[in-house]
Amino acid sequence: MSIWTNDTVIVAASFGTVHDRTASDNITSVEEAFADYAPCNRIVRAYTSPTIRRILKQRGTIIESVSDCLNTLSKEGVRKVVVQPTHLIPGEEYDKLCAEVFAYRTVFEELYLGKPLMADDEDIKETARILCQEYPLQDQEGILWMGHGSPHPANRVYQKISDIFRHEFKKERMFLATVEGTPTLSEVLPLMTEQGIQKVHLIPLMLVAGEHAVHDMAGEQEESWKNQVKRTGFEPICHFCGIGELTSIRALYCRHLDEAKRVNS
C-alpha cells in the first residue's frame, strides 16, 4: 500500500523570490515534481521570507508563511501534513522552519518535516555529482558557483561541496564562493588564475536565480562578481538559472519528501 494517500497535504516551503520567471522555472517546477511523485496529494506553497511575502503582497500576490499555511490547513480540518523545504542547507532558515513546524506538533494527527537539499554528506556528494554531470567543463573554461553562504555552522556545506568538486570528481576548474559566508570570492579568485582558464561561467548555486544572481553576480556595479572576475583577467559568462531547473535536483528533493513521510509511517 502506498504511503501517499490523498489525505496528506504537502506544504512546499521555499524561501521565495520576487522574480516571476525564476519562480516559475524553479519553485513551481519543484512543486510540480512533488505533485508527480505523490499524485493523489494536494500541494500548497509557503514562503519563509517575510520580506519577499511583503513585496509580493504589495503587488497583489498573497503567499502564506508556513505558520499561516498550517493554521489554514488546520481550520480546513486537514489532519496529515508533510512540510518539505526547498532550502539548500540546514542553516538559519531551516532552524527557524523547524521551530515553526514544531509549534504545531499537537495540532495535526501527523506532521512531518523533510530535510533540505544538502542535509548530510551523502546529499552533498549527490548534489556535486549532479552539478558536474549537468555542467561539463570545456577546454580553457571554468565554472564559478555562487553560493549564498551563512554565519551558521551549516556554511561548512559549501567548503565540502567545493572539495568534492576538485578532489573526488577531479574538476580542478570548478570553483565555489559565497556571498555571505566562506569561501569568499577574494579567496577563490587567486586559485582560478592557476588553472589556465580564459572564460568563467558564473552560475548561482541557489534554488532560484533571484536578487543575488541579478545584482551581486551580474550587476553593473564595480564589485559585482562579473566585474571582479573580468578584472582578474577572465571573460565572465553569467547564467540566470537556478538549480531547481534540474530534473535530478528535483528528484533529490522528492527523495527527501518520501523519507519524511516513510520513516514516520
C-alpha atoms as a PDB file:
ATOM      1  CA  MET A   1       0.000   0.000   0.000  1.00  0.00           C
ATOM      2  CA  SER A   2       1.324   3.430  -0.926  1.00  0.00           C
ATOM      3  CA  ILE A   3       2.226   5.795   1.893  1.00  0.00           C
ATOM      4  CA  TRP A   4       0.946   8.645  -0.271  1.00  0.00           C
ATOM      5  CA  THR A   5      -2.795   8.552   0.332  1.00  0.00           C
ATOM      6  CA  ASN A   6      -4.945  11.519  -0.609  1.00  0.00           C
ATOM      7  CA  ASP A   7      -5.497  12.625   2.992  1.00  0.00           C
ATOM      8  CA  THR A   8      -1.982  14.108   3.302  1.00  0.00           C
ATOM      9  CA  VAL A   9      -1.226  17.707   2.288  1.00  0.00           C
ATOM     10  CA  ILE A  10       2.307  18.579   1.176  1.00  0.00           C
ATOM     11  CA  VAL A  11       3.482  22.068   2.086  1.00  0.00           C
ATOM     12  CA  ALA A  12       6.316  23.127  -0.218  1.00  0.00           C
ATOM     13  CA  ALA A  13       8.215  25.652   1.899  1.00  0.00           C
ATOM     14  CA  SER A  14      10.546  27.898  -0.103  1.00  0.00           C
ATOM     15  CA  PHE A  15      12.486  30.990   0.893  1.00  0.00           C
ATOM     16  CA  GLY A  16      10.756  32.694  -2.025  1.00  0.00           C
ATOM     17  CA  THR A  17      11.574  35.129  -4.810  1.00  0.00           C
ATOM     18  CA  VAL A  18      10.133  38.323  -6.263  1.00  0.00           C
ATOM     19  CA  HIS A  19      11.142  37.310  -9.802  1.00  0.00           C
ATOM     20  CA  ASP A  20       8.223  35.659 -11.591  1.00  0.00           C
ATOM     21  CA  ARG A  21      10.244  33.820 -14.236  1.00  0.00           C
ATOM     22  CA  THR A  22      12.633  32.139 -11.851  1.00  0.00           C
ATOM     23  CA  ALA A  23       9.739  31.304  -9.518  1.00  0.00           C
ATOM     24  CA  SER A  24       8.062  29.510 -12.416  1.00  0.00           C
ATOM     25  CA  ASP A  25      11.211  27.775 -13.648  1.00  0.00           C
ATOM     26  CA  ASN A  26      12.388  26.640 -10.236  1.00  0.00           C
ATOM     27  CA  ILE A  27       9.910  26.791  -7.347  1.00  0.00           C
ATOM     28  CA  THR A  28       6.909  25.793  -9.448  1.00  0.00           C
ATOM     29  CA  SER A  29       8.989  23.058 -11.106  1.00  0.00           C
ATOM     30  CA  VAL A  30       9.885  21.546  -7.724  1.00  0.00           C
ATOM     31  CA  GLU A  31       6.253  21.715  -6.610  1.00  0.00           C
ATOM     32  CA  GLU A  32       5.194  20.001  -9.834  1.00  0.00           C
ATOM     33  CA  ALA A  33       7.781  17.300  -9.158  1.00  0.00           C
ATOM     34  CA  PHE A  34       6.162  16.732  -5.741  1.00  0.00           C
ATOM     35  CA  ALA A  35       2.761  16.508  -7.430  1.00  0.00           C
ATOM     36  CA  ASP A  36       4.081  13.936  -9.916  1.00  0.00           C
ATOM     37  CA  TYR A  37       5.713  11.952  -7.107  1.00  0.00           C
ATOM     38  CA  ALA A  38       2.601  11.927  -4.914  1.00  0.00           C
ATOM     39  CA  PRO A  39      -0.179  12.424  -7.475  1.00  0.00           C
ATOM     40  CA  CYS A  40      -3.070  11.913  -5.069  1.00  0.00           C
ATOM     41  CA  ASN A  41      -1.942  14.658  -2.749  1.00  0.00           C
ATOM     42  CA  ARG A  42      -2.621  18.365  -2.594  1.00  0.00           C
ATOM     43  CA  ILE A  43       0.445  20.624  -2.833  1.00  0.00           C
ATOM     44  CA  VAL A  44       0.376  24.074  -1.229  1.00  0.00           C
ATOM     45  CA  ARG A  45       3.022  26.793  -1.363  1.00  0.00           C
ATOM     46  CA  ALA A  46       4.515  28.716   1.542  1.00  0.00           C
ATOM     47  CA  TYR A  47       7.343  31.279   1.574  1.00  0.00           C
ATOM     48  CA  THR A  48       9.553  31.625   4.635  1.00  0.00           C
ATOM     49  CA  SER A  49      10.879  35.122   3.841  1.00  0.00           C
ATOM     50  CA  PRO A  50       8.740  37.907   5.373  1.00  0.00           C
ATOM     51  CA  THR A  51      10.400  40.473   3.084  1.00  0.00           C
ATOM     52  CA  ILE A  52       9.503  38.576  -0.068  1.00  0.00           C
ATOM     53  CA  ARG A  53       5.945  37.952   1.126  1.00  0.00           C
ATOM     54  CA  ARG A  54       5.549  41.670   1.865  1.00  0.00           C
ATOM     55  CA  ILE A  55       6.829  42.730  -1.572  1.00  0.00           C
ATOM     56  CA  LEU A  56       4.573  40.222  -3.311  1.00  0.00           C
ATOM     57  CA  LYS A  57       1.594  41.361  -1.240  1.00  0.00           C
ATOM     58  CA  GLN A  58       2.223  44.931  -2.403  1.00  0.00           C
ATOM     59  CA  ARG A  59       1.993  43.587  -5.950  1.00  0.00           C
ATOM     60  CA  GLY A  60      -1.272  41.827  -5.195  1.00  0.00           C
ATOM     61  CA  THR A  61       0.086  38.293  -4.716  1.00  0.00           C
ATOM     62  CA  ILE A  62      -0.598  36.663  -1.363  1.00  0.00           C
ATOM     63  CA  ILE A  63       1.613  33.745  -0.336  1.00  0.00           C
ATOM     64  CA  GLU A  64       1.301  32.465   3.209  1.00  0.00           C
ATOM     65  CA  SER A  65       4.041  31.837   5.731  1.00  0.00           C
ATOM     66  CA  VAL A  66       4.414  28.263   6.938  1.00  0.00           C
ATOM     67  CA  SER A  67       2.603  29.131  10.189  1.00  0.00           C
ATOM     68  CA  ASP A  68      -0.274  30.795   8.353  1.00  0.00           C
ATOM     69  CA  CYS A  69      -0.430  27.862   5.964  1.00  0.00           C
ATOM     70  CA  LEU A  70      -0.612  25.369   8.827  1.00  0.00           C
ATOM     71  CA  ASN A  71      -3.306  27.464  10.512  1.00  0.00           C
ATOM     72  CA  THR A  72      -5.333  27.462   7.306  1.00  0.00           C
ATOM     73  CA  LEU A  73      -4.983  23.700   6.876  1.00  0.00           C
ATOM     74  CA  SER A  74      -5.971  23.094  10.496  1.00  0.00           C
ATOM     75  CA  LYS A  75      -9.135  25.191  10.070  1.00  0.00           C
ATOM     76  CA  GLU A  76      -9.950  23.170   6.944  1.00  0.00           C
ATOM     77  CA  GLY A  77      -9.842  20.003   9.015  1.00  0.00           C
ATOM     78  CA  VAL A  78      -6.659  18.606   7.453  1.00  0.00           C
ATOM     79  CA  ARG A  79      -5.053  16.102   9.833  1.00  0.00           C
ATOM     80  CA  LYS A  80      -1.921  14.923   7.988  1.00  0.00           C
ATOM     81  CA  VAL A  81       0.782  17.277   6.686  1.00  0.00           C
ATOM     82  CA  VAL A  82       4.310  16.952   5.351  1.00  0.00           C
ATOM     83  CA  VAL A  83       6.320  20.178   5.177  1.00  0.00           C
ATOM     84  CA  GLN A  84       9.090  19.791   2.608  1.00  0.00           C
ATOM     85  CA  PRO A  85      11.543  22.694   2.378  1.00  0.00           C
ATOM     86  CA  THR A  86      13.309  23.646  -0.828  1.00  0.00           C
ATOM     87  CA  HIS A  87      16.158  25.270   1.121  1.00  0.00           C
ATOM     88  CA  LEU A  88      19.656  24.079   0.248  1.00  0.00           C
ATOM     89  CA  ILE A  89      21.366  23.739   3.630  1.00  0.00           C
ATOM     90  CA  PRO A  90      20.263  23.074   7.235  1.00  0.00           C
ATOM     91  CA  GLY A  91      21.137  26.629   8.218  1.00  0.00           C
ATOM     92  CA  GLU A  92      19.417  29.523   9.956  1.00  0.00           C
ATOM     93  CA  GLU A  93      16.318  29.473   7.756  1.00  0.00           C
ATOM     94  CA  TYR A  94      15.893  25.744   8.311  1.00  0.00           C
ATOM     95  CA  ASP A  95      16.345  26.159  12.085  1.00  0.00           C
ATOM     96  CA  LYS A  96      13.535  28.733  12.053  1.00  0.00           C
ATOM     97  CA  LEU A  97      11.398  26.376   9.992  1.00  0.00           C
ATOM     98  CA  CYS A  98      11.984  23.523  12.457  1.00  0.00           C
ATOM     99  CA  ALA A  99      10.813  25.728  15.341  1.00  0.00           C
ATOM    100  CA  GLU A 100       7.823  26.934  13.342  1.00  0.00           C
ATOM    101  CA  VAL A 101       6.685  23.420  12.447  1.00  0.00           C
ATOM    102  CA  PHE A 102       7.404  22.047  15.933  1.00  0.00           C
ATOM    103  CA  ALA A 103       4.950  24.581  17.379  1.00  0.00           C
ATOM    104  CA  TYR A 104       2.154  22.763  15.517  1.00  0.00           C
ATOM    105  CA  ARG A 105       3.102  19.244  16.585  1.00  0.00           C
ATOM    106  CA  THR A 106      -0.081  18.807  18.660  1.00  0.00           C
ATOM    107  CA  VAL A 107      -2.409  20.399  16.108  1.00  0.00           C
ATOM    108  CA  PHE A 108      -2.247  17.639  13.499  1.00  0.00           C
ATOM    109  CA  GLU A 109      -2.591  13.887  13.696  1.00  0.00           C
ATOM    110  CA  GLU A 110       0.575  13.614  11.581  1.00  0.00           C
ATOM    111  CA  LEU A 111       3.037  16.440  10.926  1.00  0.00           C
ATOM    112  CA  TYR A 112       6.433  15.722   9.372  1.00  0.00           C
ATOM    113  CA  LEU A 113       9.277  17.948   8.223  1.00  0.00           C
ATOM    114  CA  GLY A 114      11.599  16.954   5.391  1.00  0.00           C
ATOM    115  CA  LYS A 115      15.288  17.722   5.065  1.00  0.00           C
ATOM    116  CA  PRO A 116      16.804  20.485   2.928  1.00  0.00           C
ATOM    117  CA  LEU A 117      18.671  19.574  -0.239  1.00  0.00           C
ATOM    118  CA  MET A 118      22.146  19.108   1.277  1.00  0.00           C
ATOM    119  CA  ALA A 119      21.373  17.851   4.762  1.00  0.00           C
ATOM    120  CA  ASP A 120      24.233  15.362   5.097  1.00  0.00           C
ATOM    121  CA  ASP A 121      27.410  14.158   3.398  1.00  0.00           C
ATOM    122  CA  GLU A 122      25.512  11.787   1.092  1.00  0.00           C
ATOM    123  CA  ASP A 123      23.296  14.641  -0.109  1.00  0.00           C
ATOM    124  CA  ILE A 124      26.281  16.931  -0.635  1.00  0.00           C
ATOM    125  CA  LYS A 125      28.102  14.352  -2.741  1.00  0.00           C
ATOM    126  CA  GLU A 126      24.989  13.577  -4.785  1.00  0.00           C
ATOM    127  CA  THR A 127      24.393  17.296  -5.426  1.00  0.00           C
ATOM    128  CA  ALA A 128      28.021  17.720  -6.511  1.00  0.00           C
ATOM    129  CA  ARG A 129      27.697  14.724  -8.838  1.00  0.00           C
ATOM    130  CA  ILE A 130      24.563  16.178 -10.427  1.00  0.00           C
ATOM    131  CA  LEU A 131      26.154  19.581 -10.973  1.00  0.00           C
ATOM    132  CA  CYS A 132      29.289  18.078 -12.505  1.00  0.00           C
ATOM    133  CA  GLN A 133      27.152  15.996 -14.851  1.00  0.00           C
ATOM    134  CA  GLU A 134      24.838  18.856 -15.840  1.00  0.00           C
ATOM    135  CA  TYR A 135      27.648  21.368 -16.427  1.00  0.00           C
ATOM    136  CA  PRO A 136      30.570  19.669 -18.174  1.00  0.00           C
ATOM    137  CA  LEU A 137      33.709  21.769 -18.489  1.00  0.00           C
ATOM    138  CA  GLN A 138      35.173  22.743 -21.854  1.00  0.00           C
ATOM    139  CA  ASP A 139      38.865  23.418 -22.524  1.00  0.00           C
ATOM    140  CA  GLN A 140      40.150  26.670 -21.009  1.00  0.00           C
ATOM    141  CA  GLU A 141      36.808  27.266 -19.330  1.00  0.00           C
ATOM    142  CA  GLY A 142      35.945  27.262 -15.644  1.00  0.00           C
ATOM    143  CA  ILE A 143      32.787  27.369 -13.584  1.00  0.00           C
ATOM    144  CA  LEU A 144      32.329  29.606 -10.559  1.00  0.00           C
ATOM    145  CA  TRP A 145      29.302  28.677  -8.472  1.00  0.00           C
ATOM    146  CA  MET A 146      27.742  31.437  -6.386  1.00  0.00           C
ATOM    147  CA  GLY A 147      26.526  30.041  -3.072  1.00  0.00           C
ATOM    148  CA  HIS A 148      24.538  32.139  -0.630  1.00  0.00           C
ATOM    149  CA  GLY A 149      26.638  31.428   2.434  1.00  0.00           C
ATOM    150  CA  SER A 150      25.741  31.877   6.094  1.00  0.00           C
ATOM    151  CA  PRO A 151      27.278  32.638   9.501  1.00  0.00           C
ATOM    152  CA  HIS A 152      25.556  29.428  10.632  1.00  0.00           C
ATOM    153  CA  PRO A 153      27.757  26.335  11.174  1.00  0.00           C
ATOM    154  CA  ALA A 154      25.956  24.737   8.216  1.00  0.00           C
ATOM    155  CA  ASN A 155      28.025  27.033   5.982  1.00  0.00           C
ATOM    156  CA  ARG A 156      30.562  24.167   6.015  1.00  0.00           C
ATOM    157  CA  VAL A 157      28.426  22.578   3.285  1.00  0.00           C
ATOM    158  CA  TYR A 158      29.946  24.996   0.765  1.00  0.00           C
ATOM    159  CA  GLN A 159      33.525  24.046   1.547  1.00  0.00           C
ATOM    160  CA  LYS A 160      32.583  20.364   1.456  1.00  0.00           C
ATOM    161  CA  ILE A 161      30.965  20.552  -1.956  1.00  0.00           C
ATOM    162  CA  SER A 162      33.891  22.599  -3.255  1.00  0.00           C
ATOM    163  CA  ASP A 163      36.316  19.924  -2.029  1.00  0.00           C
ATOM    164  CA  ILE A 164      34.215  17.199  -3.661  1.00  0.00           C
ATOM    165  CA  PHE A 165      34.252  19.032  -6.994  1.00  0.00           C
ATOM    166  CA  ARG A 166      38.027  19.205  -7.038  1.00  0.00           C
ATOM    167  CA  HIS A 167      39.183  16.078  -5.217  1.00  0.00           C
ATOM    168  CA  GLU A 168      36.541  13.384  -5.727  1.00  0.00           C
ATOM    169  CA  PHE A 169      35.326  14.359  -9.198  1.00  0.00           C
ATOM    170  CA  LYS A 170      38.644  15.889 -10.360  1.00  0.00           C
ATOM    171  CA  LYS A 171      37.026  19.112 -11.511  1.00  0.00           C
ATOM    172  CA  GLU A 172      40.007  21.377 -10.861  1.00  0.00           C
ATOM    173  CA  ARG A 173      38.404  24.195 -12.875  1.00  0.00           C
ATOM    174  CA  MET A 174      35.105  24.118 -10.958  1.00  0.00           C
ATOM    175  CA  PHE A 175      35.065  26.599  -8.088  1.00  0.00           C
ATOM    176  CA  LEU A 176      32.623  27.836  -5.475  1.00  0.00           C
ATOM    177  CA  ALA A 177      32.436  31.052  -3.469  1.00  0.00           C
ATOM    178  CA  THR A 178      29.682  32.520  -1.323  1.00  0.00           C
ATOM    179  CA  VAL A 179      28.018  35.904  -0.979  1.00  0.00           C
ATOM    180  CA  GLU A 180      27.604  35.881   2.797  1.00  0.00           C
ATOM    181  CA  GLY A 181      29.899  33.137   4.082  1.00  0.00           C
ATOM    182  CA  THR A 182      33.064  31.261   3.221  1.00  0.00           C
ATOM    183  CA  PRO A 183      34.855  30.643   0.973  1.00  0.00           C
ATOM    184  CA  THR A 184      34.737  34.233  -0.259  1.00  0.00           C
ATOM    185  CA  LEU A 185      35.257  35.359  -3.828  1.00  0.00           C
ATOM    186  CA  SER A 186      38.525  37.067  -2.866  1.00  0.00           C
ATOM    187  CA  GLU A 187      39.793  33.726  -1.546  1.00  0.00           C
ATOM    188  CA  VAL A 188      38.783  31.813  -4.658  1.00  0.00           C
ATOM    189  CA  LEU A 189      39.887  34.153  -7.469  1.00  0.00           C
ATOM    190  CA  PRO A 190      43.635  33.548  -6.892  1.00  0.00           C
ATOM    191  CA  LEU A 191      43.051  29.791  -7.134  1.00  0.00           C
ATOM    192  CA  MET A 192      41.378  30.254 -10.511  1.00  0.00           C
ATOM    193  CA  THR A 193      44.377  32.039 -12.016  1.00  0.00           C
ATOM    194  CA  GLU A 194      46.460  28.886 -11.607  1.00  0.00           C
ATOM    195  CA  GLN A 195      44.322  26.805 -13.984  1.00  0.00           C
ATOM    196  CA  GLY A 196      44.902  28.403 -17.392  1.00  0.00           C
ATOM    197  CA  ILE A 197      41.277  29.499 -17.631  1.00  0.00           C
ATOM    198  CA  GLN A 198      40.115  32.067 -20.193  1.00  0.00           C
ATOM    199  CA  LYS A 199      36.327  32.022 -19.770  1.00  0.00           C
ATOM    200  CA  VAL A 200      34.460  31.675 -16.476  1.00  0.00           C
ATOM    201  CA  HIS A 201      30.819  30.641 -16.272  1.00  0.00           C
ATOM    202  CA  LEU A 202      29.133  32.259 -13.273  1.00  0.00           C
ATOM    203  CA  ILE A 203      26.195  30.137 -12.081  1.00  0.00           C
ATOM    204  CA  PRO A 204      24.028  30.513  -8.947  1.00  0.00           C
ATOM    205  CA  LEU A 205      24.204  27.556  -6.560  1.00  0.00           C
ATOM    206  CA  MET A 206      20.753  28.547  -5.373  1.00  0.00           C
ATOM    207  CA  LEU A 207      17.281  27.193  -5.955  1.00  0.00           C
ATOM    208  CA  VAL A 208      16.350  30.350  -7.875  1.00  0.00           C
ATOM    209  CA  ALA A 209      18.320  32.891  -9.854  1.00  0.00           C
ATOM    210  CA  GLY A 210      16.947  35.835  -7.889  1.00  0.00           C
ATOM    211  CA  GLU A 211      18.311  39.050  -6.411  1.00  0.00           C
ATOM    212  CA  HIS A 212      21.792  37.701  -5.728  1.00  0.00           C
ATOM    213  CA  ALA A 213      22.153  36.482  -9.307  1.00  0.00           C
ATOM    214  CA  VAL A 214      20.799  39.669 -10.843  1.00  0.00           C
ATOM    215  CA  HIS A 215      22.702  42.137  -8.679  1.00  0.00           C
ATOM    216  CA  ASP A 216      25.617  40.517  -6.822  1.00  0.00           C
ATOM    217  CA  MET A 217      26.606  38.161  -9.629  1.00  0.00           C
ATOM    218  CA  ALA A 218      25.760  40.004 -12.837  1.00  0.00           C
ATOM    219  CA  GLY A 219      25.202  43.613 -11.785  1.00  0.00           C
ATOM    220  CA  GLU A 220      26.998  46.565 -13.340  1.00  0.00           C
ATOM    221  CA  GLN A 221      28.426  47.847 -10.057  1.00  0.00           C
ATOM    222  CA  GLU A 222      32.194  47.683  -9.648  1.00  0.00           C
ATOM    223  CA  GLU A 223      32.144  44.913  -7.044  1.00  0.00           C
ATOM    224  CA  SER A 224      29.751  42.559  -8.800  1.00  0.00           C
ATOM    225  CA  TRP A 225      31.199  39.098  -9.313  1.00  0.00           C
ATOM    226  CA  LYS A 226      31.068  39.602 -13.076  1.00  0.00           C
ATOM    227  CA  ASN A 227      33.279  42.672 -12.881  1.00  0.00           C
ATOM    228  CA  GLN A 228      35.663  41.222 -10.299  1.00  0.00           C
ATOM    229  CA  VAL A 229      36.137  38.159 -12.498  1.00  0.00           C
ATOM    230  CA  LYS A 230      36.709  40.404 -15.514  1.00  0.00           C
ATOM    231  CA  ARG A 231      39.331  42.483 -13.687  1.00  0.00           C
ATOM    232  CA  THR A 232      41.146  39.282 -12.732  1.00  0.00           C
ATOM    233  CA  GLY A 233      41.633  38.590 -16.430  1.00  0.00           C
ATOM    234  CA  PHE A 234      38.804  36.196 -17.294  1.00  0.00           C
ATOM    235  CA  GLU A 235      35.883  36.549 -19.657  1.00  0.00           C
ATOM    236  CA  PRO A 236      32.758  36.230 -17.460  1.00  0.00           C
ATOM    237  CA  ILE A 237      29.658  34.468 -18.764  1.00  0.00           C
ATOM    238  CA  CYS A 238      26.620  34.852 -16.479  1.00  0.00           C
ATOM    239  CA  HIS A 239      23.909  32.189 -16.279  1.00  0.00           C
ATOM    240  CA  PHE A 240      20.487  33.059 -14.898  1.00  0.00           C
ATOM    241  CA  CYS A 241      19.282  29.601 -13.938  1.00  0.00           C
ATOM    242  CA  GLY A 242      18.519  28.202 -10.511  1.00  0.00           C
ATOM    243  CA  ILE A 243      19.269  24.585  -9.710  1.00  0.00           C
ATOM    244  CA  GLY A 244      15.548  23.946  -9.310  1.00  0.00           C
ATOM    245  CA  GLU A 245      15.502  23.728 -13.110  1.00  0.00           C
ATOM    246  CA  LEU A 246      17.497  20.485 -12.977  1.00  0.00           C
ATOM    247  CA  THR A 247      15.469  17.274 -13.077  1.00  0.00           C
ATOM    248  CA  SER A 248      17.981  15.384 -10.931  1.00  0.00           C
ATOM    249  CA  ILE A 249      17.900  18.069  -8.238  1.00  0.00           C
ATOM    250  CA  ARG A 250      14.115  17.892  -8.161  1.00  0.00           C
ATOM    251  CA  ALA A 251      14.395  14.126  -7.791  1.00  0.00           C
ATOM    252  CA  LEU A 252      16.636  14.592  -4.746  1.00  0.00           C
ATOM    253  CA  TYR A 253      14.029  16.864  -3.168  1.00  0.00           C
ATOM    254  CA  CYS A 254      11.410  14.190  -3.860  1.00  0.00           C
ATOM    255  CA  ARG A 255      13.604  11.619  -2.114  1.00  0.00           C
ATOM    256  CA  HIS A 256      13.671  13.825   0.979  1.00  0.00           C
ATOM    257  CA  LEU A 257       9.909  14.260   0.746  1.00  0.00           C
ATOM    258  CA  ASP A 258       9.475  10.492   0.634  1.00  0.00           C
ATOM    259  CA  GLU A 259      11.858   9.978   3.554  1.00  0.00           C
ATOM    260  CA  ALA A 260       9.968  12.500   5.676  1.00  0.00           C
ATOM    261  CA  LYS A 261       6.757  10.543   5.230  1.00  0.00           C
ATOM    262  CA  ARG A 262       8.156   6.999   5.068  1.00  0.00           C
ATOM    263  CA  VAL A 263      10.316   6.999   8.207  1.00  0.00           C
ATOM    264  CA  ASN A 264       7.292   8.056  10.242  1.00  0.00           C
ATOM    265  CA  SER A 265       4.665   5.812   8.623  1.00  0.00           C
END
